[in-house]
């Protein structure tokens, strides 16, 4: 029998052996919380080409500039040495400013979660997964496709919390039945009470950010100084490609830098649409925009935690729709990895799918995109589970089937050994020629813990599968997510802190909340 997080439970069925019963074998133990990428990074461009792309990015920032819509951000950049035209809102950033920013940006970051064994290490070589994020819709086989609501947000937080291989809590869907001036209360309360993983805060204006920080600080029971000393939350900052940083995103960079919290800078560059049609051109533009955002954070607060990021794929040139899991998406991830290693910063990439349902196309695209991230050495892989329709929808069933693949990847991160016991001369000697290894001492000691046990895949033969009702993977995935929600295994909570959070939210709601800034 297998638990839904991928760890096998001890079976009640007894097997005969020379050394005892199966009940004597320990359950399988795994650690999916502290992963290291075991794959050597793959390059798509030569080192000379990467250097040329970096130099071109610096030239873009210095000669062409980037439009920065927030006056406060322009002022910070101007004081740091940038040439600013407030009339056109264009900012020209010199290479010396960028180099200074990269020099002081931290290369290793510890994200503090609600429990120390949930903390995450972000640096080159580490590996952290997130499910799909930011979708306006949710879908499952029983309730169909629908606008995201509070129930969906809470359920998806519970599902994310359940799987150890998903180490960060993203903004899975938009709870559209929660008013925008109150939504940050709901999303923070759901994350804090249903999970103890590293939480997300939307950058939607300083008032909402500050209130989110306050709720998180008090719920964690830490001081202002402790909160500002280490990142206890993160946000995702998207530039408006090409070469624009809008008001909420620029303000978010400043707010999070000042608060000592983590920003993940993610230019959204689709080849042929918001970026050049070539992989090299799109990644060069993305790199320039990321460098501009990183420079702003380091001028705001030197040493502020920041992750390099990219979200570069291509569009379908017949329809203009975003495409994911394509060869170009794979190559762009490899190139972004080379650029990230050039800077030395931890970095974020993404998988995902453009399929309209959890089908073979969805699996193919997500896995191809995922392997692009893995071969590129991404630190954080977002949209790695559940994301369909190019980000318009999170599928409950796909979150389960993708978690299966992530568990398998996590298994590959565990280093195999070849000790005397693993090599097993005695086991080989125990079996006569043309015999079998089912009942050797080695097999009986390890059969319940040696192999990964699937959560949704079915290894039964056709006859057994038919006898069980011929149920497909999606149907089995439905049973799994429903069972997880029914179990409702959240973190241990301090009821006084939960009550204080409730009182704070009720008070601020009665006062009108905090409308987002545009």
Protein backbone atom coordinates (compact mmCIF):
# COMPACT_ATOMS: atom_id res chain seq x y z
CA UNK A 1 0.00 0.00 0.00
CA UNK A 2 1.30 3.46 -0.85
CA UNK A 3 0.60 6.80 0.76
CA UNK A 4 -0.27 9.69 -1.47
CA UNK A 5 3.04 11.46 -0.85
CA UNK A 6 4.98 8.61 -2.43
CA UNK A 7 6.23 6.88 0.70
CA UNK A 8 5.27 3.25 1.06
CA UNK A 9 3.48 2.03 4.13
CA UNK A 10 4.15 -1.34 5.61
CA UNK A 11 1.80 -3.88 4.08
CA UNK A 12 -0.26 -6.09 6.30
CA UNK A 13 0.23 -9.04 3.91
CA UNK A 14 2.76 -11.61 5.14
CA UNK A 15 5.33 -13.26 2.88
CA UNK A 16 7.39 -16.31 3.62
CA UNK A 17 11.13 -15.91 3.89
CA UNK A 18 14.13 -17.56 5.41
CA UNK A 19 14.87 -14.59 7.60
CA UNK A 20 11.42 -13.63 8.86
CA UNK A 21 8.16 -12.10 7.67
CA UNK A 22 7.45 -8.98 5.67
CA UNK A 23 6.13 -7.45 8.83
CA UNK A 24 9.75 -7.21 9.99
CA UNK A 25 10.77 -4.95 7.10
CA UNK A 26 10.85 -1.20 7.77
CA UNK A 27 8.62 1.15 5.77
CA UNK A 28 10.18 3.09 2.96
CA UNK A 29 11.64 6.44 3.97
CA UNK A 30 12.19 9.32 1.57
CA UNK A 31 13.18 12.96 1.87
CA UNK A 32 11.71 15.16 -0.83
CA UNK A 33 12.23 18.41 1.09
CA UNK A 34 15.96 18.95 0.53
CA UNK A 35 16.67 18.14 -3.08
CA UNK A 36 19.86 18.66 -5.06
CA UNK A 37 19.82 18.54 -8.84
CA UNK A 38 21.89 15.46 -9.77
CA UNK A 39 22.14 16.28 -13.48
CA UNK A 40 25.08 18.14 -15.01
CA UNK A 41 23.83 21.36 -16.61
CA UNK A 42 23.39 21.28 -20.36
CA UNK A 43 24.40 24.20 -22.59
CA UNK A 44 22.69 25.36 -25.73
CA UNK A 45 25.11 28.20 -26.51
CA UNK A 46 28.88 28.46 -26.24
CA UNK A 47 30.47 30.46 -23.43
CA UNK A 48 31.47 33.13 -25.96
CA UNK A 49 27.87 33.40 -27.15
CA UNK A 50 26.60 33.69 -23.57
CA UNK A 51 29.12 36.46 -22.92
CA UNK A 52 27.94 38.22 -26.08
CA UNK A 53 24.30 37.93 -24.97
CA UNK A 54 25.19 39.39 -21.55
CA UNK A 55 27.12 42.24 -23.15
CA UNK A 56 24.18 42.94 -25.47
CA UNK A 57 21.85 43.03 -22.45
CA UNK A 58 24.09 45.63 -20.82
CA UNK A 59 24.07 47.60 -24.08
CA UNK A 60 20.25 47.43 -24.18
CA UNK A 61 20.01 48.89 -20.67
CA UNK A 62 22.58 51.60 -21.27
CA UNK A 63 21.74 52.69 -24.82
CA UNK A 64 18.07 51.80 -25.30
CA UNK A 65 16.97 51.90 -21.68
CA UNK A 66 13.91 50.52 -19.91
CA UNK A 67 10.64 52.33 -19.22
CA UNK A 68 9.99 52.51 -15.47
CA UNK A 69 6.51 53.78 -14.67
CA UNK A 70 6.94 54.29 -10.91
CA UNK A 71 8.48 57.70 -10.05
CA UNK A 72 9.94 56.37 -6.79
CA UNK A 73 11.76 53.61 -8.69
CA UNK A 74 13.12 56.11 -11.21
CA UNK A 75 14.38 58.25 -8.32
CA UNK A 76 16.18 55.30 -6.70
CA UNK A 77 17.79 54.37 -10.02
CA UNK A 78 18.74 58.01 -10.68
CA UNK A 79 20.44 58.29 -7.28
CA UNK A 80 22.30 55.09 -8.11
CA UNK A 81 23.75 56.66 -11.25
CA UNK A 82 21.19 55.95 -13.97
CA UNK A 83 20.29 58.50 -16.61
CA UNK A 84 16.57 59.23 -16.22
CA UNK A 85 14.08 61.11 -18.39
CA UNK A 86 10.93 61.67 -16.34
CA UNK A 87 9.03 62.92 -19.39
CA UNK A 88 9.42 59.65 -21.29
CA UNK A 89 9.88 57.56 -18.10
CA UNK A 90 12.95 56.00 -19.70
CA UNK A 91 15.84 54.90 -17.50
CA UNK A 92 19.31 54.16 -18.86
CA UNK A 93 21.31 51.92 -16.55
CA UNK A 94 25.09 51.75 -16.83
CA UNK A 95 27.01 48.49 -16.75
CA UNK A 96 28.84 49.54 -13.59
CA UNK A 97 25.50 49.74 -11.77
CA UNK A 98 24.54 46.25 -12.94
CA UNK A 99 27.90 44.78 -12.01
CA UNK A 100 27.70 46.33 -8.53
CA UNK A 101 24.19 44.92 -8.06
CA UNK A 102 25.25 41.43 -9.09
CA UNK A 103 28.22 41.61 -6.75
CA UNK A 104 26.12 42.35 -3.65
CA UNK A 105 23.06 40.18 -4.44
CA UNK A 106 23.17 37.04 -2.25
CA UNK A 107 24.11 33.82 -4.01
CA UNK A 108 22.53 31.60 -1.34
CA UNK A 109 19.19 32.28 0.35
CA UNK A 110 17.33 30.42 3.09
CA UNK A 111 13.57 30.82 2.90
CA UNK A 112 12.10 30.50 6.38
CA UNK A 113 8.89 28.49 6.49
CA UNK A 114 6.53 27.88 9.40
CA UNK A 115 8.65 24.96 10.63
CA UNK A 116 12.42 24.59 10.41
CA UNK A 117 12.16 21.30 8.55
CA UNK A 118 10.17 23.17 5.89
CA UNK A 119 12.85 25.82 5.28
CA UNK A 120 14.18 25.89 1.74
CA UNK A 121 17.69 26.56 0.46
CA UNK A 122 17.87 28.55 -2.75
CA UNK A 123 21.21 28.45 -4.53
CA UNK A 124 22.63 27.03 -7.72
CA UNK A 125 22.38 23.25 -7.46
CA UNK A 126 19.36 23.18 -5.17
CA UNK A 127 16.00 22.03 -6.52
CA UNK A 128 12.59 23.29 -5.40
CA UNK A 129 9.22 22.61 -7.03
CA UNK A 130 6.00 24.62 -7.06
CA UNK A 131 2.66 23.73 -8.63
CA UNK A 132 0.91 25.94 -11.17
CA UNK A 133 0.23 29.51 -10.12
CA UNK A 134 -1.83 32.57 -10.93
CA UNK A 135 -4.62 30.89 -12.90
CA UNK A 136 -8.06 32.51 -13.13
CA UNK A 137 -9.79 29.11 -13.40
CA UNK A 138 -9.84 25.74 -11.68
CA UNK A 139 -11.08 22.43 -13.03
CA UNK A 140 -11.70 18.85 -11.96
CA UNK A 141 -13.63 15.92 -13.40
CA UNK A 142 -16.52 16.20 -10.95
CA UNK A 143 -17.18 19.97 -10.89
CA UNK A 144 -15.87 21.02 -14.29
CA UNK A 145 -14.05 24.18 -15.34
CA UNK A 146 -15.00 27.28 -13.34
CA UNK A 147 -13.75 30.69 -12.25
CA UNK A 148 -11.41 30.26 -9.30
CA UNK A 149 -13.06 30.77 -5.92
CA UNK A 150 -12.14 30.70 -2.24
CA UNK A 151 -13.04 27.03 -1.94
CA UNK A 152 -10.69 26.18 -4.82
CA UNK A 153 -7.86 28.24 -3.34
CA UNK A 154 -8.16 26.52 0.03
CA UNK A 155 -8.39 23.06 -1.50
CA UNK A 156 -5.39 23.61 -3.73
CA UNK A 157 -3.38 24.88 -0.77
CA UNK A 158 -4.27 21.64 1.03
CA UNK A 159 -3.21 19.54 -1.94
CA UNK A 160 0.06 21.44 -2.26
CA UNK A 161 0.74 21.06 1.45
CA UNK A 162 0.18 17.30 1.22
CA UNK A 163 3.02 16.61 -1.21
CA UNK A 164 6.51 17.03 0.24
CA UNK A 165 7.91 17.36 -3.28
CA UNK A 166 6.08 20.72 -3.59
CA UNK A 167 8.13 22.82 -1.21
CA UNK A 168 6.77 26.35 -1.82
CA UNK A 169 3.23 27.70 -1.67
CA UNK A 170 2.36 29.64 -4.84
CA UNK A 171 -0.76 31.70 -5.66
CA UNK A 172 -2.47 28.71 -7.24
CA UNK A 173 -5.64 30.39 -8.50
CA UNK A 174 -7.30 33.77 -8.11
CA UNK A 175 -10.19 33.50 -5.58
CA UNK A 176 -12.48 35.77 -7.55
CA UNK A 177 -15.32 35.63 -5.02
CA UNK A 178 -13.07 37.50 -2.59
CA UNK A 179 -13.07 41.31 -3.18
CA UNK A 180 -9.74 42.70 -4.30
CA UNK A 181 -9.49 44.98 -1.26
CA UNK A 182 -9.86 41.95 1.04
CA UNK A 183 -8.29 39.17 -1.03
CA UNK A 184 -4.88 39.40 0.61
CA UNK A 185 -6.47 38.66 3.99
CA UNK A 186 -8.07 35.52 2.66
CA UNK A 187 -5.04 34.21 0.78
CA UNK A 188 -2.70 34.81 3.70
CA UNK A 189 -5.08 33.22 6.21
CA UNK A 190 -5.49 30.15 3.98
CA UNK A 191 -1.73 29.71 3.55
CA UNK A 192 -0.95 30.16 7.25
CA UNK A 193 -3.67 27.89 8.62
CA UNK A 194 -3.63 25.15 5.99
CA UNK A 195 0.14 24.85 5.46
CA UNK A 196 3.47 25.65 7.05
CA UNK A 197 5.38 25.88 3.77
CA UNK A 198 7.17 28.99 2.47
CA UNK A 199 4.28 31.39 1.65
CA UNK A 200 3.56 33.75 -1.23
CA UNK A 201 2.54 37.41 -1.02
CA UNK A 202 1.05 39.28 -3.99
CA UNK A 203 2.73 42.57 -4.93
CA UNK A 204 -0.41 44.62 -5.32
CA UNK A 205 0.48 47.86 -3.66
CA UNK A 206 2.33 48.81 -0.50
CA UNK A 207 -0.70 48.75 1.85
CA UNK A 208 -1.57 45.15 0.97
CA UNK A 209 2.07 44.05 1.12
CA UNK A 210 2.64 45.66 4.51
CA UNK A 211 -0.51 44.13 5.96
CA UNK A 212 0.50 40.72 4.61
CA UNK A 213 3.92 41.08 6.21
CA UNK A 214 2.26 42.08 9.51
CA UNK A 215 -0.08 39.06 9.49
CA UNK A 216 2.78 36.71 8.66
CA UNK A 217 5.14 38.19 11.27
CA UNK A 218 2.60 37.97 14.08
CA UNK A 219 1.43 34.49 13.14
CA UNK A 220 5.01 33.24 13.13
CA UNK A 221 5.61 34.93 16.48
CA UNK A 222 8.74 36.82 15.48
CA UNK A 223 9.92 40.39 15.95
CA UNK A 224 10.24 43.07 13.28
CA UNK A 225 14.02 42.68 13.33
CA UNK A 226 13.78 38.89 12.94
CA UNK A 227 11.32 39.26 10.09
CA UNK A 228 13.48 41.74 8.19
CA UNK A 229 16.68 39.76 8.77
CA UNK A 230 15.60 36.74 6.69
CA UNK A 231 12.97 36.09 4.01
CA UNK A 232 9.80 34.56 5.44
CA UNK A 233 7.82 35.09 2.23
CA UNK A 234 8.30 35.69 -1.46
CA UNK A 235 6.66 37.35 -4.43
CA UNK A 236 6.93 37.00 -8.18
CA UNK A 237 7.72 40.09 -10.24
CA UNK A 238 6.89 40.07 -13.95
CA UNK A 239 8.33 42.75 -16.18
CA UNK A 240 6.08 43.95 -19.00
CA UNK A 241 8.13 42.87 -21.97
CA UNK A 242 9.52 44.49 -23.96
CA UNK A 243 11.48 46.84 -21.69
CA UNK A 244 8.81 48.04 -19.28
CA UNK A 245 8.54 47.85 -15.50
CA UNK A 246 5.06 48.87 -14.38
CA UNK A 247 3.98 50.53 -11.15
CA UNK A 248 2.83 47.52 -9.03
CA UNK A 249 5.83 45.43 -10.02
CA UNK A 250 8.37 48.20 -9.39
CA UNK A 251 6.69 48.96 -6.07
CA UNK A 252 6.78 45.28 -5.20
CA UNK A 253 10.52 45.12 -5.82
CA UNK A 254 11.04 48.08 -3.51
CA UNK A 255 8.65 46.85 -0.79
CA UNK A 256 10.13 43.37 -0.68
CA UNK A 257 13.73 44.62 -0.76
CA UNK A 258 13.06 47.02 2.10
CA UNK A 259 11.31 44.26 4.03
CA UNK A 260 14.13 41.78 3.51
CA UNK A 261 11.73 39.45 1.70
CA UNK A 262 12.40 37.49 -1.49
CA UNK A 263 11.54 38.68 -4.98
CA UNK A 264 11.67 36.29 -7.92
CA UNK A 265 12.16 38.39 -11.04
CA UNK A 266 10.47 36.80 -14.01
CA UNK A 267 10.36 38.58 -17.37
CA UNK A 268 7.57 37.00 -19.44
CA UNK A 269 9.04 36.90 -22.93
CA UNK A 270 7.22 34.97 -25.62
CA UNK A 271 9.27 34.58 -28.79
CA UNK A 272 7.67 36.31 -31.73
CA UNK A 273 5.28 38.32 -29.55
CA UNK A 274 6.82 40.30 -26.68
CA UNK A 275 10.37 39.27 -27.59
CA UNK A 276 12.48 38.53 -30.67
CA UNK A 277 11.47 35.36 -32.47
CA UNK A 278 14.85 33.71 -31.86
CA UNK A 279 15.84 31.91 -28.65
CA UNK A 280 19.01 33.98 -28.34
CA UNK A 281 17.17 37.25 -28.86
CA UNK A 282 14.33 36.45 -26.44
CA UNK A 283 16.69 35.31 -23.69
CA UNK A 284 18.90 38.37 -24.19
CA UNK A 285 15.90 40.69 -23.74
CA UNK A 286 14.73 38.70 -20.73
CA UNK A 287 18.21 38.90 -19.22
CA UNK A 288 18.31 42.68 -19.67
CA UNK A 289 14.96 43.14 -17.96
CA UNK A 290 15.95 40.84 -15.09
CA UNK A 291 19.20 42.76 -14.59
CA UNK A 292 17.28 46.05 -14.41
CA UNK A 293 14.97 44.67 -11.71
CA UNK A 294 17.88 43.15 -9.76
CA UNK A 295 19.69 46.49 -9.88
CA UNK A 296 16.62 48.27 -8.46
CA UNK A 297 16.44 45.86 -5.50
CA UNK A 298 20.12 46.18 -4.64
CA UNK A 299 19.99 49.98 -4.82
CA UNK A 300 16.97 49.87 -2.51
CA UNK A 301 18.68 47.59 -0.01
CA UNK A 302 22.11 46.11 -0.73
CA UNK A 303 22.03 42.37 -0.16
CA UNK A 304 18.26 42.11 -0.55
CA UNK A 305 17.26 38.51 -1.38
CA UNK A 306 16.56 38.17 -5.09
CA UNK A 307 16.14 35.29 -7.51
CA UNK A 308 16.97 35.55 -11.19
CA UNK A 309 14.09 34.26 -13.31
CA UNK A 310 12.79 33.70 -16.77
CA UNK A 311 9.59 32.60 -18.42
CA UNK A 312 10.54 32.32 -22.05
CA UNK A 313 8.72 30.20 -24.59
CA UNK A 314 7.27 30.71 -28.05
CA UNK A 315 3.85 31.44 -29.46
CA UNK A 316 1.90 29.50 -32.02
CA UNK A 317 2.47 31.70 -35.06
CA UNK A 318 -0.87 30.55 -36.52
CA UNK A 319 -2.95 31.81 -33.60
CA UNK A 320 -0.64 33.89 -31.41
CA UNK A 321 -1.44 31.66 -28.44
CA UNK A 322 1.36 30.82 -25.98
CA UNK A 323 2.94 27.39 -26.45
CA UNK A 324 4.74 25.40 -23.76
CA UNK A 325 6.75 22.23 -23.65
CA UNK A 326 8.10 22.97 -27.13
CA UNK A 327 11.68 22.49 -28.35
CA UNK A 328 12.09 26.27 -28.19
CA UNK A 329 10.82 26.34 -24.61
CA UNK A 330 13.38 23.65 -23.74
CA UNK A 331 16.20 25.54 -25.44
CA UNK A 332 15.21 28.81 -23.78
CA UNK A 333 15.39 27.14 -20.38
CA UNK A 334 18.89 25.87 -21.16
CA UNK A 335 19.98 29.34 -22.26
CA UNK A 336 18.44 30.98 -19.18
CA UNK A 337 20.35 28.52 -17.03
CA UNK A 338 23.57 29.57 -18.68
CA UNK A 339 22.74 33.24 -18.03
CA UNK A 340 21.87 32.49 -14.40
CA UNK A 341 25.14 30.66 -13.86
CA UNK A 342 26.88 33.63 -15.44
CA UNK A 343 25.41 35.82 -12.66
CA UNK A 344 25.82 33.18 -9.93
CA UNK A 345 22.30 33.80 -8.61
CA UNK A 346 19.68 31.19 -7.73
CA UNK A 347 17.08 31.19 -10.46
CA UNK A 348 13.56 30.25 -11.39
CA UNK A 349 12.29 28.53 -14.52
CA UNK A 350 8.95 26.94 -15.42
CA UNK A 351 7.25 23.93 -16.94
CA UNK A 352 3.54 24.02 -17.89
CA UNK A 353 1.21 23.03 -20.69
CA UNK A 354 -1.02 24.67 -23.28
CA UNK A 355 -3.34 21.66 -23.42
CA UNK A 356 -6.99 22.27 -22.58
CA UNK A 357 -7.30 19.15 -20.42
CA UNK A 358 -5.21 16.63 -18.53
CA UNK A 359 -4.39 14.43 -21.48
CA UNK A 360 -1.36 13.06 -23.30
CA UNK A 361 -0.53 16.48 -24.73
CA UNK A 362 -0.57 17.96 -21.22
CA UNK A 363 1.73 15.23 -19.90
CA UNK A 364 4.12 15.50 -22.84
CA UNK A 365 4.39 19.28 -22.68
CA UNK A 366 4.80 19.44 -18.93
CA UNK A 367 7.46 16.75 -18.84
CA UNK A 368 9.39 18.18 -21.79
CA UNK A 369 9.34 21.60 -20.15
CA UNK A 370 10.26 20.06 -16.80
CA UNK A 371 13.28 18.29 -18.23
CA UNK A 372 14.39 21.51 -19.87
CA UNK A 373 14.42 23.10 -16.41
CA UNK A 374 16.24 20.14 -14.87
CA UNK A 375 18.90 20.05 -17.58
CA UNK A 376 19.28 23.82 -17.24
CA UNK A 377 19.93 23.56 -13.48
CA UNK A 378 16.94 25.63 -12.35
CA UNK A 379 16.76 26.26 -8.60
CA UNK A 380 12.97 26.76 -8.54
CA UNK A 381 10.65 25.13 -11.06
CA UNK A 382 7.22 26.72 -11.00
CA UNK A 383 4.12 25.50 -12.86
CA UNK A 384 5.49 22.00 -12.43
CA UNK A 385 2.13 20.48 -11.47
CA UNK A 386 -1.47 21.14 -12.45
CA UNK A 387 -1.01 23.97 -14.95
CA UNK A 388 -2.98 23.76 -18.23
CA UNK A 389 -4.35 26.10 -20.91
CA UNK A 390 -1.13 28.10 -20.87
CA UNK A 391 -1.79 29.22 -17.30
CA UNK A 392 -5.53 29.89 -17.48
CA UNK A 393 -6.47 26.86 -15.39
CA UNK A 394 -5.17 24.63 -12.61
CA UNK A 395 -6.42 21.05 -12.89
CA UNK A 396 -6.86 19.01 -9.73
CA UNK A 397 -6.24 15.76 -11.60
CA UNK A 398 -3.17 17.11 -13.34
CA UNK A 399 -1.73 18.29 -10.05
CA UNK A 400 -1.89 14.66 -8.88
CA UNK A 401 -0.49 13.09 -12.06
CA UNK A 402 2.30 15.68 -12.25
CA UNK A 403 3.15 15.12 -8.59
CA UNK A 404 3.78 11.50 -9.52
CA UNK A 405 6.43 12.60 -12.02
CA UNK A 406 7.97 15.05 -9.54
CA UNK A 407 8.21 12.27 -6.97
CA UNK A 408 10.07 10.18 -9.53
CA UNK A 409 12.44 13.07 -10.24
CA UNK A 410 12.98 13.46 -6.49
CA UNK A 411 13.93 9.80 -6.36
CA UNK A 412 16.62 10.47 -8.96
CA UNK A 413 18.04 13.15 -6.67
CA UNK A 414 18.85 10.56 -4.02
CA UNK A 415 22.39 9.32 -4.53
CA UNK A 416 22.65 5.58 -5.02
CA UNK A 417 25.47 3.72 -3.28
CA UNK A 418 27.40 0.62 -4.32
CA UNK A 419 28.52 -0.76 -1.00
CA UNK A 420 29.12 -4.45 -0.39
CA UNK A 421 25.49 -4.85 0.68
CA UNK A 422 24.20 -3.12 -2.46
CA UNK A 423 26.46 -5.11 -4.79
CA UNK A 424 25.15 -8.24 -3.12
CA UNK A 425 27.64 -11.04 -3.79
CA UNK A 426 25.90 -13.13 -1.14
CA UNK A 427 22.56 -12.63 -2.82
CA UNK A 428 23.98 -13.74 -6.15
CA UNK A 429 25.60 -16.76 -4.50
CA UNK A 430 22.27 -17.62 -2.86
CA UNK A 431 20.54 -18.24 -6.20
CA UNK A 432 21.26 -21.23 -8.39
CA UNK A 433 21.65 -20.75 -12.14
CA UNK A 434 18.23 -20.23 -13.77
CA UNK A 435 16.74 -19.47 -10.35
CA UNK A 436 15.09 -16.28 -9.05
CA UNK A 437 15.80 -13.60 -6.46
CA UNK A 438 12.28 -13.20 -5.04
CA UNK A 439 13.09 -14.98 -1.77
CA UNK A 440 16.74 -14.14 -1.21
CA UNK A 441 17.69 -12.64 2.13
CA UNK A 442 18.57 -9.36 0.39
CA UNK A 443 15.21 -9.16 -1.41
CA UNK A 444 13.18 -10.01 1.68
CA UNK A 445 14.99 -7.35 3.68
CA UNK A 446 14.38 -4.67 1.06
CA UNK A 447 11.29 -5.52 -0.97
CA UNK A 448 9.10 -3.12 0.97
CA UNK A 449 11.50 -0.19 0.79
CA UNK A 450 13.80 -0.47 -2.23
CA UNK A 451 11.56 0.75 -5.06
CA UNK A 452 9.46 3.86 -5.51
CA UNK A 453 5.77 3.14 -4.99
CA UNK A 454 3.44 5.07 -7.32
CA UNK A 455 0.57 7.20 -6.11
CA UNK A 456 -1.58 7.16 -9.25
CA UNK A 457 0.13 4.93 -11.81
CA UNK A 458 -1.27 1.39 -12.01
CA UNK A 459 1.16 -1.46 -12.68
CA UNK A 460 -1.50 -4.18 -12.69
CA UNK A 461 -1.79 -6.41 -15.75
CA UNK A 462 -4.72 -6.01 -18.12
CA UNK A 463 -6.81 -8.74 -16.49
CA UNK A 464 -6.45 -7.35 -12.99
CA UNK A 465 -6.97 -3.79 -14.21
CA UNK A 466 -10.17 -4.87 -15.98
CA UNK A 467 -11.45 -6.64 -12.88
CA UNK A 468 -10.91 -3.44 -10.92
CA UNK A 469 -13.18 -1.51 -13.28
CA UNK A 470 -10.83 -0.44 -16.09
CA UNK A 471 -10.38 2.97 -14.48
CA UNK A 472 -8.07 5.42 -16.23
CA UNK A 473 -5.46 7.63 -14.65
CA UNK A 474 -7.70 10.69 -14.40
CA UNK A 475 -10.34 8.72 -12.52
CA UNK A 476 -7.77 7.40 -10.09
CA UNK A 477 -6.37 10.92 -9.65
CA UNK A 478 -9.85 12.16 -8.74
CA UNK A 479 -10.05 9.58 -5.95
CA UNK A 480 -6.64 10.66 -4.67
CA UNK A 481 -7.31 14.40 -4.43
CA UNK A 482 -10.68 13.77 -2.83
CA UNK A 483 -9.07 11.49 -0.27
CA UNK A 484 -6.39 14.07 0.53
CA UNK A 485 -9.01 16.75 1.13
CA UNK A 486 -11.05 14.38 3.26
CA UNK A 487 -8.01 13.57 5.42
CA UNK A 488 -7.35 17.31 5.93
CA UNK A 489 -3.88 16.74 7.36
CA UNK A 490 -2.70 20.29 7.89
CA UNK A 491 0.00 21.62 10.21
CA UNK A 492 -0.28 21.84 13.97
CA UNK A 493 -1.67 25.27 14.85
CA UNK A 494 -1.46 27.59 17.81
CA UNK A 495 -5.13 28.39 18.37
CA UNK A 496 -4.32 31.72 20.02
CA UNK A 497 -2.45 32.84 16.90
CA UNK A 498 -5.29 31.65 14.69
CA UNK A 499 -7.76 33.63 16.78
CA UNK A 500 -5.56 36.75 16.74
CA UNK A 501 -5.30 36.48 12.95
CA UNK A 502 -9.08 36.18 12.69
CA UNK A 503 -9.58 39.25 14.89
CA UNK A 504 -7.09 41.27 12.83
CA UNK A 505 -8.80 40.33 9.56
CA UNK A 506 -12.27 41.11 10.93
CA UNK A 507 -11.07 44.51 12.18
CA UNK A 508 -9.37 45.46 8.92
CA UNK A 509 -12.32 44.20 6.87
CA UNK A 510 -14.69 46.39 8.87
CA UNK A 511 -12.35 49.32 8.20
CA UNK A 512 -12.55 48.72 4.44
CA UNK A 513 -9.44 46.66 3.82
CA UNK A 514 -6.66 47.87 1.55
CA UNK A 515 -7.45 48.48 -2.12
CA UNK A 516 -4.72 47.40 -4.51
CA UNK A 517 -2.65 50.12 -6.16
CA UNK A 518 -2.40 50.27 -9.94
